[in-house]
PDB file of N, CA and C in Angstrom:
ATOM      1  N   MET A   1       0.849  -1.169   0.000  1.00  0.00           N
ATOM      2  CA  MET A   1       0.000   0.000   0.000  1.00  0.00           C
ATOM      3  C   MET A   1       0.900   1.239   0.000  1.00  0.00           C
ATOM      4  N   LYS A   2       0.647   2.107  -0.965  1.00  0.00           N
ATOM      5  CA  LYS A   2       1.376   3.374  -1.046  1.00  0.00           C
ATOM      6  C   LYS A   2       0.427   4.480  -0.617  1.00  0.00           C
ATOM      7  N   ILE A   3       0.883   5.325   0.305  1.00  0.00           N
ATOM      8  CA  ILE A   3       0.085   6.449   0.790  1.00  0.00           C
ATOM      9  C   ILE A   3       0.876   7.732   0.574  1.00  0.00           C
ATOM     10  N   ILE A   4       0.216   8.723  -0.010  1.00  0.00           N
ATOM     11  CA  ILE A   4       0.806  10.050  -0.155  1.00  0.00           C
ATOM     12  C   ILE A   4      -0.058  10.986   0.685  1.00  0.00           C
ATOM     13  N   ASN A   5       0.494  11.446   1.785  1.00  0.00           N
ATOM     14  CA  ASN A   5      -0.234  12.320   2.700  1.00  0.00           C
ATOM     15  C   ASN A   5      -0.132  13.771   2.268  1.00  0.00           C
ATOM     16  N   ASN A   6      -1.123  14.554   2.674  1.00  0.00           N
ATOM     17  CA  ASN A   6      -1.110  16.010   2.476  1.00  0.00           C
ATOM     18  C   ASN A   6      -0.847  16.413   1.027  1.00  0.00           C
ATOM     19  N   VAL A   7      -1.580  15.816   0.108  1.00  0.00           N
ATOM     20  CA  VAL A   7      -1.424  16.149  -1.311  1.00  0.00           C
ATOM     21  C   VAL A   7      -1.790  17.610  -1.540  1.00  0.00           C
ATOM     22  N   LEU A   8      -2.875  18.065  -0.913  1.00  0.00           N
ATOM     23  CA  LEU A   8      -3.266  19.472  -1.027  1.00  0.00           C
ATOM     24  C   LEU A   8      -4.245  19.834   0.064  1.00  0.00           C
ATOM     25  N   SER A   9      -4.367  21.138   0.284  1.00  0.00           N
ATOM     26  CA  SER A   9      -5.334  21.696   1.236  1.00  0.00           C
ATOM     27  C   SER A   9      -6.064  22.829   0.553  1.00  0.00           C
ATOM     28  N   ASP A  10      -7.360  22.972   0.859  1.00  0.00           N
ATOM     29  CA  ASP A  10      -8.156  24.071   0.320  1.00  0.00           C
ATOM     30  C   ASP A  10      -9.268  24.395   1.309  1.00  0.00           C
ATOM     31  N   ARG A  11      -9.304  25.629   1.771  1.00  0.00           N
ATOM     32  CA  ARG A  11     -10.352  26.106   2.666  1.00  0.00           C
ATOM     33  C   ARG A  11     -10.576  25.172   3.854  1.00  0.00           C
ATOM     34  N   GLY A  12      -9.492  24.653   4.380  1.00  0.00           N
ATOM     35  CA  GLY A  12      -9.559  23.791   5.551  1.00  0.00           C
ATOM     36  C   GLY A  12      -9.651  22.310   5.246  1.00  0.00           C
ATOM     37  N   SER A  13     -10.107  21.937   4.049  1.00  0.00           N
ATOM     38  CA  SER A  13     -10.152  20.524   3.677  1.00  0.00           C
ATOM     39  C   SER A  13      -8.743  20.062   3.306  1.00  0.00           C
ATOM     40  N   LYS A  14      -8.421  18.836   3.710  1.00  0.00           N
ATOM     41  CA  LYS A  14      -7.116  18.253   3.399  1.00  0.00           C
ATOM     42  C   LYS A  14      -7.324  16.955   2.638  1.00  0.00           C
ATOM     43  N   TYR A  15      -6.416  16.684   1.697  1.00  0.00           N
ATOM     44  CA  TYR A  15      -6.516  15.505   0.845  1.00  0.00           C
ATOM     45  C   TYR A  15      -5.255  14.657   0.928  1.00  0.00           C
ATOM     46  N   SER A  16      -5.448  13.342   0.914  1.00  0.00           N
ATOM     47  CA  SER A  16      -4.369  12.370   0.769  1.00  0.00           C
ATOM     48  C   SER A  16      -4.839  11.345  -0.264  1.00  0.00           C
ATOM     49  N   VAL A  17      -3.909  10.539  -0.732  1.00  0.00           N
ATOM     50  CA  VAL A  17      -4.252   9.509  -1.713  1.00  0.00           C
ATOM     51  C   VAL A  17      -3.458   8.248  -1.391  1.00  0.00           C
ATOM     52  N   ALA A  18      -4.098   7.106  -1.622  1.00  0.00           N
ATOM     53  CA  ALA A  18      -3.454   5.813  -1.374  1.00  0.00           C
ATOM     54  C   ALA A  18      -3.827   4.860  -2.493  1.00  0.00           C
ATOM     55  N   GLY A  19      -3.071   3.804  -2.630  1.00  0.00           N
ATOM     56  CA  GLY A  19      -3.403   2.817  -3.654  1.00  0.00           C
ATOM     57  C   GLY A  19      -2.501   1.610  -3.566  1.00  0.00           C
ATOM     58  N   GLY A  20      -2.841   0.631  -4.396  1.00  0.00           N
ATOM     59  CA  GLY A  20      -2.049  -0.583  -4.471  1.00  0.00           C
ATOM     60  C   GLY A  20      -2.753  -1.616  -5.333  1.00  0.00           C
ATOM     61  N   PRO A  21      -2.068  -2.706  -5.615  1.00  0.00           N
ATOM     62  CA  PRO A  21      -2.646  -3.767  -6.436  1.00  0.00           C
ATOM     63  C   PRO A  21      -3.825  -4.447  -5.734  1.00  0.00           C
ATOM     64  N   VAL A  22      -4.892  -4.661  -6.486  1.00  0.00           N
ATOM     65  CA  VAL A  22      -6.087  -5.355  -5.997  1.00  0.00           C
ATOM     66  C   VAL A  22      -6.644  -6.160  -7.170  1.00  0.00           C
ATOM     67  N   PHE A  23      -7.067  -7.397  -6.907  1.00  0.00           N
ATOM     68  CA  PHE A  23      -7.489  -8.281  -7.991  1.00  0.00           C
ATOM     69  C   PHE A  23      -8.924  -8.783  -7.870  1.00  0.00           C
ATOM     70  N   SER A  24      -9.704  -8.218  -6.915  1.00  0.00           N
ATOM     71  CA  SER A  24     -11.098  -8.631  -6.766  1.00  0.00           C
ATOM     72  C   SER A  24     -11.836  -7.590  -5.930  1.00  0.00           C
ATOM     73  N   SER A  25     -13.166  -7.680  -5.951  1.00  0.00           N
ATOM     74  CA  SER A  25     -13.943  -6.762  -5.112  1.00  0.00           C
ATOM     75  C   SER A  25     -13.686  -7.042  -3.634  1.00  0.00           C
ATOM     76  N   GLU A  26     -13.444  -8.311  -3.297  1.00  0.00           N
ATOM     77  CA  GLU A  26     -13.106  -8.653  -1.920  1.00  0.00           C
ATOM     78  C   GLU A  26     -11.766  -8.029  -1.538  1.00  0.00           C
ATOM     79  N   GLY A  27     -10.836  -8.021  -2.493  1.00  0.00           N
ATOM     80  CA  GLY A  27      -9.542  -7.386  -2.257  1.00  0.00           C
ATOM     81  C   GLY A  27      -9.685  -5.895  -2.027  1.00  0.00           C
ATOM     82  N   ALA A  28     -10.630  -5.255  -2.743  1.00  0.00           N
ATOM     83  CA  ALA A  28     -10.877  -3.823  -2.555  1.00  0.00           C
ATOM     84  C   ALA A  28     -11.394  -3.567  -1.144  1.00  0.00           C
ATOM     85  N   SER A  29     -12.326  -4.393  -0.689  1.00  0.00           N
ATOM     86  CA  SER A  29     -12.855  -4.246   0.673  1.00  0.00           C
ATOM     87  C   SER A  29     -11.748  -4.419   1.709  1.00  0.00           C
ATOM     88  N   ALA A  30     -10.879  -5.387   1.482  1.00  0.00           N
ATOM     89  CA  ALA A  30      -9.768  -5.626   2.410  1.00  0.00           C
ATOM     90  C   ALA A  30      -8.801  -4.444   2.412  1.00  0.00           C
ATOM     91  N   PHE A  31      -8.554  -3.856   1.229  1.00  0.00           N
ATOM     92  CA  PHE A  31      -7.659  -2.704   1.120  1.00  0.00           C
ATOM     93  C   PHE A  31      -8.218  -1.536   1.941  1.00  0.00           C
ATOM     94  N   ILE A  32      -9.504  -1.250   1.788  1.00  0.00           N
ATOM     95  CA  ILE A  32     -10.137  -0.151   2.518  1.00  0.00           C
ATOM     96  C   ILE A  32     -10.093  -0.425   4.019  1.00  0.00           C
ATOM     97  N   ARG A  33     -10.348  -1.665   4.415  1.00  0.00           N
ATOM     98  CA  ARG A  33     -10.268  -2.035   5.834  1.00  0.00           C
ATOM     99  C   ARG A  33      -8.866  -1.784   6.386  1.00  0.00           C
ATOM    100  N   ASP A  34      -7.848  -2.195   5.611  1.00  0.00           N
ATOM    101  CA  ASP A  34      -6.461  -1.996   6.037  1.00  0.00           C
ATOM    102  C   ASP A  34      -6.133  -0.509   6.145  1.00  0.00           C
ATOM    103  N   LEU A  35      -6.588   0.275   5.180  1.00  0.00           N
ATOM    104  CA  LEU A  35      -6.341   1.715   5.200  1.00  0.00           C
ATOM    105  C   LEU A  35      -6.963   2.341   6.450  1.00  0.00           C
ATOM    106  N   LYS A  36      -8.176   1.918   6.760  1.00  0.00           N
ATOM    107  CA  LYS A  36      -8.899   2.495   7.897  1.00  0.00           C
ATOM    108  C   LYS A  36      -8.408   1.971   9.250  1.00  0.00           C
ATOM    109  N   ARG A  37      -7.460   1.048   9.239  1.00  0.00           N
ATOM    110  CA  ARG A  37      -6.845   0.633  10.508  1.00  0.00           C
ATOM    111  C   ARG A  37      -6.069   1.797  11.120  1.00  0.00           C
ATOM    112  N   SER A  38      -5.656   2.704  10.253  1.00  0.00           N
ATOM    113  CA  SER A  38      -5.049   3.944  10.734  1.00  0.00           C
ATOM    114  C   SER A  38      -6.186   4.853  11.182  1.00  0.00           C
ATOM    115  N   LYS A  39      -6.138   5.301  12.428  1.00  0.00           N
ATOM    116  CA  LYS A  39      -7.214   6.154  12.955  1.00  0.00           C
ATOM    117  C   LYS A  39      -7.387   7.403  12.102  1.00  0.00           C
ATOM    118  N   LYS A  40      -6.296   7.876  11.550  1.00  0.00           N
ATOM    119  CA  LYS A  40      -6.356   9.076  10.702  1.00  0.00           C
ATOM    120  C   LYS A  40      -7.330   8.861   9.544  1.00  0.00           C
ATOM    121  N   PHE A  41      -7.213   7.735   8.850  1.00  0.00           N
ATOM    122  CA  PHE A  41      -8.079   7.457   7.700  1.00  0.00           C
ATOM    123  C   PHE A  41      -9.467   7.011   8.137  1.00  0.00           C
ATOM    124  N   ALA A  42      -9.562   6.348   9.274  1.00  0.00           N
ATOM    125  CA  ALA A  42     -10.870   5.928   9.787  1.00  0.00           C
ATOM    126  C   ALA A  42     -11.727   7.150  10.135  1.00  0.00           C
ATOM    127  N   ARG A  43     -11.091   8.236  10.566  1.00  0.00           N
ATOM    128  CA  ARG A  43     -11.828   9.441  10.955  1.00  0.00           C
ATOM    129  C   ARG A  43     -12.048  10.407   9.787  1.00  0.00           C
ATOM    130  N   ALA A  44     -11.551  10.067   8.611  1.00  0.00           N
ATOM    131  CA  ALA A  44     -11.714  10.952   7.449  1.00  0.00           C
ATOM    132  C   ALA A  44     -13.194  11.104   7.098  1.00  0.00           C
ATOM    133  N   THR A  45     -13.525  12.235   6.499  1.00  0.00           N
ATOM    134  CA  THR A  45     -14.899  12.483   6.084  1.00  0.00           C
ATOM    135  C   THR A  45     -15.269  11.596   4.903  1.00  0.00           C
ATOM    136  N   HIS A  46     -14.338  11.450   3.949  1.00  0.00           N
ATOM    137  CA  HIS A  46     -14.593  10.658   2.742  1.00  0.00           C
ATOM    138  C   HIS A  46     -13.351   9.843   2.378  1.00  0.00           C
ATOM    139  N   ASN A  47     -13.560   8.573   2.051  1.00  0.00           N
ATOM    140  CA  ASN A  47     -12.543   7.721   1.442  1.00  0.00           C
ATOM    141  C   ASN A  47     -13.151   7.215   0.130  1.00  0.00           C
ATOM    142  N   SER A  48     -13.037   8.017  -0.923  1.00  0.00           N
ATOM    143  CA  SER A  48     -13.613   7.673  -2.233  1.00  0.00           C
ATOM    144  C   SER A  48     -12.592   6.865  -3.015  1.00  0.00           C
ATOM    145  N   TRP A  49     -13.067   5.873  -3.763  1.00  0.00           N
ATOM    146  CA  TRP A  49     -12.107   5.040  -4.480  1.00  0.00           C
ATOM    147  C   TRP A  49     -12.667   4.513  -5.793  1.00  0.00           C
ATOM    148  N   GLY A  50     -11.732   4.067  -6.633  1.00  0.00           N
ATOM    149  CA  GLY A  50     -12.076   3.441  -7.902  1.00  0.00           C
ATOM    150  C   GLY A  50     -11.111   2.309  -8.193  1.00  0.00           C
ATOM    151  N   LEU A  51     -11.619   1.322  -8.911  1.00  0.00           N
ATOM    152  CA  LEU A  51     -10.833   0.140  -9.263  1.00  0.00           C
ATOM    153  C   LEU A  51     -11.316  -0.378 -10.605  1.00  0.00           C
ATOM    154  N   LEU A  52     -10.406  -0.564 -11.519  1.00  0.00           N
ATOM    155  CA  LEU A  52     -10.702  -1.130 -12.832  1.00  0.00           C
ATOM    156  C   LEU A  52     -10.105  -2.543 -12.854  1.00  0.00           C
ATOM    157  N   LEU A  53     -10.972  -3.537 -12.647  1.00  0.00           N
ATOM    158  CA  LEU A  53     -10.522  -4.934 -12.621  1.00  0.00           C
ATOM    159  C   LEU A  53     -10.421  -5.481 -14.034  1.00  0.00           C
ATOM    160  N   ASP A  54      -9.389  -6.224 -14.293  1.00  0.00           N
ATOM    161  CA  ASP A  54      -9.237  -6.912 -15.577  1.00  0.00           C
ATOM    162  C   ASP A  54      -9.122  -8.402 -15.290  1.00  0.00           C
ATOM    163  N   GLU A  55     -10.217  -9.117 -15.570  1.00  0.00           N
ATOM    164  CA  GLU A  55     -10.246 -10.553 -15.345  1.00  0.00           C
ATOM    165  C   GLU A  55     -10.391 -11.248 -16.688  1.00  0.00           C
ATOM    166  N   ASN A  56      -9.293 -11.829 -17.155  1.00  0.00           N
ATOM    167  CA  ASN A  56      -9.282 -12.549 -18.430  1.00  0.00           C
ATOM    168  C   ASN A  56      -9.762 -11.670 -19.585  1.00  0.00           C
ATOM    169  N   GLY A  57      -9.310 -10.428 -19.628  1.00  0.00           N
ATOM    170  CA  GLY A  57      -9.667  -9.522 -20.711  1.00  0.00           C
ATOM    171  C   GLY A  57     -10.996  -8.821 -20.548  1.00  0.00           C
ATOM    172  N   LEU A  58     -11.755  -9.170 -19.528  1.00  0.00           N
ATOM    173  CA  LEU A  58     -13.041  -8.530 -19.257  1.00  0.00           C
ATOM    174  C   LEU A  58     -12.843  -7.512 -18.139  1.00  0.00           C
ATOM    175  N   GLN A  59     -13.114  -6.233 -18.458  1.00  0.00           N
ATOM    176  CA  GLN A  59     -12.913  -5.186 -17.468  1.00  0.00           C
ATOM    177  C   GLN A  59     -14.196  -4.888 -16.709  1.00  0.00           C
ATOM    178  N   THR A  60     -14.055  -4.753 -15.400  1.00  0.00           N
ATOM    179  CA  THR A  60     -15.161  -4.420 -14.516  1.00  0.00           C
ATOM    180  C   THR A  60     -14.780  -3.182 -13.717  1.00  0.00           C
ATOM    181  N   GLN A  61     -15.696  -2.232 -13.640  1.00  0.00           N
ATOM    182  CA  GLN A  61     -15.465  -1.017 -12.867  1.00  0.00           C
ATOM    183  C   GLN A  61     -16.143  -1.145 -11.515  1.00  0.00           C
ATOM    184  N   ILE A  62     -15.395  -0.832 -10.476  1.00  0.00           N
ATOM    185  CA  ILE A  62     -15.947  -0.818  -9.128  1.00  0.00           C
ATOM    186  C   ILE A  62     -15.542   0.514  -8.510  1.00  0.00           C
ATOM    187  N   LYS A  63     -16.485   1.165  -7.841  1.00  0.00           N
ATOM    188  CA  LYS A  63     -16.180   2.459  -7.235  1.00  0.00           C
ATOM    189  C   LYS A  63     -17.044   2.679  -6.014  1.00  0.00           C
ATOM    190  N   ALA A  64     -16.611   3.619  -5.182  1.00  0.00           N
ATOM    191  CA  ALA A  64     -17.405   4.052  -4.033  1.00  0.00           C
ATOM    192  C   ALA A  64     -17.106   5.518  -3.787  1.00  0.00           C
ATOM    193  N   ASP A  65     -18.163   6.304  -3.653  1.00  0.00           N
ATOM    194  CA  ASP A  65     -18.012   7.741  -3.423  1.00  0.00           C
ATOM    195  C   ASP A  65     -17.843   8.071  -1.939  1.00  0.00           C
ATOM    196  N   ASP A  66     -18.338   7.242  -1.062  1.00  0.00           N
ATOM    197  CA  ASP A  66     -18.273   7.465   0.380  1.00  0.00           C
ATOM    198  C   ASP A  66     -18.760   8.862   0.755  1.00  0.00           C
ATOM    199  N   GLY A  67     -19.876   9.255   0.159  1.00  0.00           N
ATOM    200  CA  GLY A  67     -20.482  10.546   0.468  1.00  0.00           C
ATOM    201  C   GLY A  67     -19.983  11.714  -0.366  1.00  0.00           C
ATOM    202  N   GLU A  68     -18.934  11.509  -1.135  1.00  0.00           N
ATOM    203  CA  GLU A  68     -18.384  12.560  -2.007  1.00  0.00           C
ATOM    204  C   GLU A  68     -18.892  12.272  -3.420  1.00  0.00           C
ATOM    205  N   ALA A  69     -20.165  12.612  -3.660  1.00  0.00           N
ATOM    206  CA  ALA A  69     -20.861  12.232  -4.894  1.00  0.00           C
ATOM    207  C   ALA A  69     -20.047  12.532  -6.147  1.00  0.00           C
ATOM    208  N   GLY A  70     -19.833  11.498  -6.960  1.00  0.00           N
ATOM    209  CA  GLY A  70     -19.136  11.634  -8.231  1.00  0.00           C
ATOM    210  C   GLY A  70     -17.640  11.411  -8.168  1.00  0.00           C
ATOM    211  N   ALA A  71     -17.065  11.348  -6.972  1.00  0.00           N
ATOM    212  CA  ALA A  71     -15.609  11.207  -6.850  1.00  0.00           C
ATOM    213  C   ALA A  71     -15.119   9.864  -7.390  1.00  0.00           C
ATOM    214  N   GLY A  72     -15.851   8.795  -7.117  1.00  0.00           N
ATOM    215  CA  GLY A  72     -15.447   7.477  -7.611  1.00  0.00           C
ATOM    216  C   GLY A  72     -15.397   7.436  -9.122  1.00  0.00           C
ATOM    217  N   ALA A  73     -16.356   8.093  -9.786  1.00  0.00           N
ATOM    218  CA  ALA A  73     -16.381   8.135 -11.250  1.00  0.00           C
ATOM    219  C   ALA A  73     -15.179   8.904 -11.796  1.00  0.00           C
ATOM    220  N   VAL A  74     -14.793   9.976 -11.122  1.00  0.00           N
ATOM    221  CA  VAL A  74     -13.619  10.749 -11.542  1.00  0.00           C
ATOM    222  C   VAL A  74     -12.369   9.875 -11.466  1.00  0.00           C
ATOM    223  N   ILE A  75     -12.235   9.138 -10.379  1.00  0.00           N
ATOM    224  CA  ILE A  75     -11.078   8.258 -10.204  1.00  0.00           C
ATOM    225  C   ILE A  75     -11.069   7.184 -11.293  1.00  0.00           C
ATOM    226  N   LEU A  76     -12.228   6.573 -11.553  1.00  0.00           N
ATOM    227  CA  LEU A  76     -12.307   5.532 -12.585  1.00  0.00           C
ATOM    228  C   LEU A  76     -11.901   6.057 -13.959  1.00  0.00           C
ATOM    229  N   ARG A  77     -12.380   7.245 -14.323  1.00  0.00           N
ATOM    230  CA  ARG A  77     -12.026   7.814 -15.638  1.00  0.00           C
ATOM    231  C   ARG A  77     -10.519   7.981 -15.766  1.00  0.00           C
ATOM    232  N   MET A  78      -9.890   8.415 -14.702  1.00  0.00           N
ATOM    233  CA  MET A  78      -8.438   8.613 -14.747  1.00  0.00           C
ATOM    234  C   MET A  78      -7.702   7.282 -14.835  1.00  0.00           C
ATOM    235  N   LEU A  79      -8.192   6.261 -14.152  1.00  0.00           N
ATOM    236  CA  LEU A  79      -7.578   4.934 -14.245  1.00  0.00           C
ATOM    237  C   LEU A  79      -7.734   4.369 -15.655  1.00  0.00           C
ATOM    238  N   GLU A  80      -8.905   4.594 -16.256  1.00  0.00           N
ATOM    239  CA  GLU A  80      -9.124   4.130 -17.636  1.00  0.00           C
ATOM    240  C   GLU A  80      -8.158   4.810 -18.598  1.00  0.00           C
ATOM    241  N   ARG A  81      -7.986   6.128 -18.456  1.00  0.00           N
ATOM    242  CA  ARG A  81      -7.068   6.855 -19.345  1.00  0.00           C
ATOM    243  C   ARG A  81      -5.650   6.330 -19.236  1.00  0.00           C
ATOM    244  N   GLU A  82      -5.263   5.954 -18.037  1.00  0.00           N
ATOM    245  CA  GLU A  82      -3.909   5.428 -17.805  1.00  0.00           C
ATOM    246  C   GLU A  82      -3.823   3.930 -18.088  1.00  0.00           C
ATOM    247  N   ASN A  83      -4.977   3.309 -18.346  1.00  0.00           N
ATOM    248  CA  ASN A  83      -5.067   1.864 -18.531  1.00  0.00           C
ATOM    249  C   ASN A  83      -4.444   1.124 -17.344  1.00  0.00           C
ATOM    250  N   LEU A  84      -4.725   1.630 -16.150  1.00  0.00           N
ATOM    251  CA  LEU A  84      -4.210   1.038 -14.919  1.00  0.00           C
ATOM    252  C   LEU A  84      -5.274   0.104 -14.355  1.00  0.00           C
ATOM    253  N   THR A  85      -5.080  -1.181 -14.563  1.00  0.00           N
ATOM    254  CA  THR A  85      -6.045  -2.177 -14.110  1.00  0.00           C
ATOM    255  C   THR A  85      -5.507  -2.894 -12.877  1.00  0.00           C
ATOM    256  N   ASN A  86      -6.449  -3.506 -12.145  1.00  0.00           N
ATOM    257  CA  ASN A  86      -6.120  -4.275 -10.947  1.00  0.00           C
ATOM    258  C   ASN A  86      -5.301  -3.463  -9.955  1.00  0.00           C
ATOM    259  N   HIS A  87      -5.687  -2.194  -9.815  1.00  0.00           N
ATOM    260  CA  HIS A  87      -4.983  -1.269  -8.928  1.00  0.00           C
ATOM    261  C   HIS A  87      -6.011  -0.280  -8.372  1.00  0.00           C
ATOM    262  N   ILE A  88      -6.213  -0.308  -7.064  1.00  0.00           N
ATOM    263  CA  ILE A  88      -7.171   0.593  -6.435  1.00  0.00           C
ATOM    264  C   ILE A  88      -6.506   1.933  -6.120  1.00  0.00           C
ATOM    265  N   VAL A  89      -7.264   3.007  -6.272  1.00  0.00           N
ATOM    266  CA  VAL A  89      -6.805   4.338  -5.866  1.00  0.00           C
ATOM    267  C   VAL A  89      -7.884   4.925  -4.968  1.00  0.00           C
ATOM    268  N   VAL A  90      -7.474   5.361  -3.776  1.00  0.00           N
ATOM    269  CA  VAL A  90      -8.383   5.910  -2.769  1.00  0.00           C
ATOM    270  C   VAL A  90      -7.988   7.360  -2.507  1.00  0.00           C
ATOM    271  N   VAL A  91      -8.927   8.280  -2.710  1.00  0.00           N
ATOM    272  CA  VAL A  91      -8.706   9.686  -2.386  1.00  0.00           C
ATOM    273  C   VAL A  91      -9.447   9.977  -1.087  1.00  0.00           C
ATOM    274  N   THR A  92      -8.698  10.439  -0.101  1.00  0.00           N
ATOM    275  CA  THR A  92      -9.249  10.706   1.221  1.00  0.00           C
ATOM    276  C   THR A  92      -9.339  12.210   1.435  1.00  0.00           C
ATOM    277  N   ARG A  93     -10.493  12.634   1.985  1.00  0.00           N
ATOM    278  CA  ARG A  93     -10.700  14.051   2.284  1.00  0.00           C
ATOM    279  C   ARG A  93     -11.158  14.200   3.730  1.00  0.00           C
ATOM    280  N   TRP A  94     -10.518  15.139   4.399  1.00  0.00           N
ATOM    281  CA  TRP A  94     -10.953  15.572   5.721  1.00  0.00           C
ATOM    282  C   TRP A  94     -11.604  16.927   5.520  1.00  0.00           C
ATOM    283  N   PHE A  95     -12.903  17.003   5.738  1.00  0.00           N
ATOM    284  CA  PHE A  95     -13.678  18.222   5.497  1.00  0.00           C
ATOM    285  C   PHE A  95     -13.244  19.323   6.460  1.00  0.00           C
ATOM    286  N   GLY A  96     -13.039  20.510   5.911  1.00  0.00           N
ATOM    287  CA  GLY A  96     -12.557  21.628   6.701  1.00  0.00           C
ATOM    288  C   GLY A  96     -13.612  22.627   7.116  1.00  0.00           C
ATOM    289  N   GLY A  97     -14.888  22.341   6.840  1.00  0.00           N
ATOM    290  CA  GLY A  97     -15.946  23.230   7.288  1.00  0.00           C
ATOM    291  C   GLY A  97     -16.517  24.139   6.211  1.00  0.00           C
ATOM    292  N   VAL A  98     -15.874  24.187   5.041  1.00  0.00           N
ATOM    293  CA  VAL A  98     -16.356  25.037   3.942  1.00  0.00           C
ATOM    294  C   VAL A  98     -16.610  24.135   2.732  1.00  0.00           C
ATOM    295  N   LYS A  99     -17.809  24.234   2.153  1.00  0.00           N
ATOM    296  CA  LYS A  99     -18.107  23.438   0.952  1.00  0.00           C
ATOM    297  C   LYS A  99     -17.266  23.935  -0.211  1.00  0.00           C
ATOM    298  N   LEU A 100     -16.735  23.000  -1.000  1.00  0.00           N
ATOM    299  CA  LEU A 100     -15.819  23.332  -2.089  1.00  0.00           C
ATOM    300  C   LEU A 100     -16.489  23.380  -3.451  1.00  0.00           C
ATOM    301  N   GLY A 101     -17.740  22.952  -3.548  1.00  0.00           N
ATOM    302  CA  GLY A 101     -18.419  22.957  -4.840  1.00  0.00           C
ATOM    303  C   GLY A 101     -17.669  22.110  -5.857  1.00  0.00           C
ATOM    304  N   GLY A 102     -17.597  22.616  -7.090  1.00  0.00           N
ATOM    305  CA  GLY A 102     -16.932  21.893  -8.174  1.00  0.00           C
ATOM    306  C   GLY A 102     -15.436  21.745  -7.991  1.00  0.00           C
ATOM    307  N   ASP A 103     -14.840  22.566  -7.133  1.00  0.00           N
ATOM    308  CA  ASP A 103     -13.392  22.448  -6.897  1.00  0.00           C
ATOM    309  C   ASP A 103     -13.027  21.084  -6.329  1.00  0.00           C
ATOM    310  N   ARG A 104     -13.964  20.439  -5.646  1.00  0.00           N
ATOM    311  CA  ARG A 104     -13.644  19.133  -5.056  1.00  0.00           C
ATOM    312  C   ARG A 104     -13.278  18.109  -6.127  1.00  0.00           C
ATOM    313  N   PHE A 105     -13.885  18.215  -7.327  1.00  0.00           N
ATOM    314  CA  PHE A 105     -13.536  17.283  -8.408  1.00  0.00           C
ATOM    315  C   PHE A 105     -12.128  17.552  -8.926  1.00  0.00           C
ATOM    316  N   ARG A 106     -11.762  18.818  -9.030  1.00  0.00           N
ATOM    317  CA  ARG A 106     -10.393  19.155  -9.433  1.00  0.00           C
ATOM    318  C   ARG A 106      -9.391  18.641  -8.406  1.00  0.00           C
ATOM    319  N   HIS A 107      -9.766  18.706  -7.141  1.00  0.00           N
ATOM    320  CA  HIS A 107      -8.873  18.228  -6.089  1.00  0.00           C
ATOM    321  C   HIS A 107      -8.723  16.709  -6.123  1.00  0.00           C
ATOM    322  N   VAL A 108      -9.807  16.009  -6.421  1.00  0.00           N
ATOM    323  CA  VAL A 108      -9.719  14.551  -6.578  1.00  0.00           C
ATOM    324  C   VAL A 108      -8.768  14.241  -7.732  1.00  0.00           C
ATOM    325  N   GLN A 109      -8.900  14.958  -8.844  1.00  0.00           N
ATOM    326  CA  GLN A 109      -8.005  14.753  -9.993  1.00  0.00           C
ATOM    327  C   GLN A 109      -6.556  15.030  -9.611  1.00  0.00           C
ATOM    328  N   THR A 110      -6.314  16.108  -8.875  1.00  0.00           N
ATOM    329  CA  THR A 110      -4.956  16.449  -8.453  1.00  0.00           C
ATOM    330  C   THR A 110      -4.364  15.335  -7.595  1.00  0.00           C
ATOM    331  N   ALA A 111      -5.159  14.796  -6.684  1.00  0.00           N
ATOM    332  CA  ALA A 111      -4.693  13.713  -5.818  1.00  0.00           C
ATOM    333  C   ALA A 111      -4.371  12.459  -6.635  1.00  0.00           C
ATOM    334  N   VAL A 112      -5.247  12.107  -7.571  1.00  0.00           N
ATOM    335  CA  VAL A 112      -5.005  10.917  -8.402  1.00  0.00           C
ATOM    336  C   VAL A 112      -3.760  11.131  -9.263  1.00  0.00           C
ATOM    337  N   ARG A 113      -3.606  12.328  -9.841  1.00  0.00           N
ATOM    338  CA  ARG A 113      -2.399  12.616 -10.639  1.00  0.00           C
ATOM    339  C   ARG A 113      -1.133  12.455  -9.802  1.00  0.00           C
ATOM    340  N   ALA A 114      -1.171  12.928  -8.568  1.00  0.00           N
ATOM    341  CA  ALA A 114      -0.010  12.796  -7.685  1.00  0.00           C
ATOM    342  C   ALA A 114       0.323  11.322  -7.464  1.00  0.00           C
ATOM    343  N   TYR A 115      -0.711  10.514  -7.268  1.00  0.00           N
ATOM    344  CA  TYR A 115      -0.491   9.082  -7.074  1.00  0.00           C
ATOM    345  C   TYR A 115       0.062   8.436  -8.343  1.00  0.00           C
ATOM    346  N   LEU A 116      -0.568   8.735  -9.474  1.00  0.00           N
ATOM    347  CA  LEU A 116      -0.132   8.129 -10.731  1.00  0.00           C
ATOM    348  C   LEU A 116       1.302   8.510 -11.074  1.00  0.00           C
ATOM    349  N   SER A 117       1.694   9.729 -10.755  1.00  0.00           N
ATOM    350  CA  SER A 117       3.075  10.139 -11.048  1.00  0.00           C
ATOM    351  C   SER A 117       4.077   9.373 -10.200  1.00  0.00           C
ATOM    352  N   GLU A 118       3.639   8.894  -9.046  1.00  0.00           N
ATOM    353  CA  GLU A 118       4.512   8.098  -8.164  1.00  0.00           C
ATOM    354  C   GLU A 118       4.614   6.640  -8.603  1.00  0.00           C
ATOM    355  N   VAL A 119       3.535   6.089  -9.173  1.00  0.00           N
ATOM    356  CA  VAL A 119       3.523   4.655  -9.477  1.00  0.00           C
ATOM    357  C   VAL A 119       3.678   4.323 -10.950  1.00  0.00           C
ATOM    358  N   SER A 120       3.472   5.278 -11.836  1.00  0.00           N
ATOM    359  CA  SER A 120       3.559   5.004 -13.267  1.00  0.00           C
ATOM    360  C   SER A 120       4.968   5.335 -13.771  1.00  0.00           C
ATOM    361  N   PRO A 121       5.528   4.449 -14.569  1.00  0.00           N
ATOM    362  CA  PRO A 121       6.837   4.751 -15.144  1.00  0.00           C
ATOM    363  C   PRO A 121       6.689   5.913 -16.137  1.00  0.00           C
ATOM    364  N   PRO A 122       7.692   6.799 -16.198  1.00  0.00           N
ATOM    365  CA  PRO A 122       7.615   7.910 -17.157  1.00  0.00           C
ATOM    366  C   PRO A 122       7.563   7.395 -18.591  1.00  0.00           C
ATOM    367  N   SER A 123       6.808   8.094 -19.440  1.00  0.00           N
ATOM    368  CA  SER A 123       6.689   7.677 -20.851  1.00  0.00           C
ATOM    369  C   SER A 123       7.851   8.196 -21.648  1.00  0.00           C
TER     370      SER A 123
END
């Protein structure tokens, strides 16, 4: 499991991102459970995630917004563009008291980009 803490802050909200190889929906549940073993992540407002499973050439999308409506879809789109399969990416947000509106989607993208730049080999 790779965790990048404090990817960005905006109006009191703080973002981190985590990820790692996962090969099933059960594996995704186990990954989230392991992440939340840290009290920091267990107390987060949102742990949104996406996973593009590739089982014998058949791709399945699995996502969870965890109250951050649309965040899982944003993560999935970015994983599809990178063709990153069997790898979960979790964007965590600690709400700072001010609603971010559409900026929250840009922040999810920024967090995923930070993660992808750490795990993807340069082209």
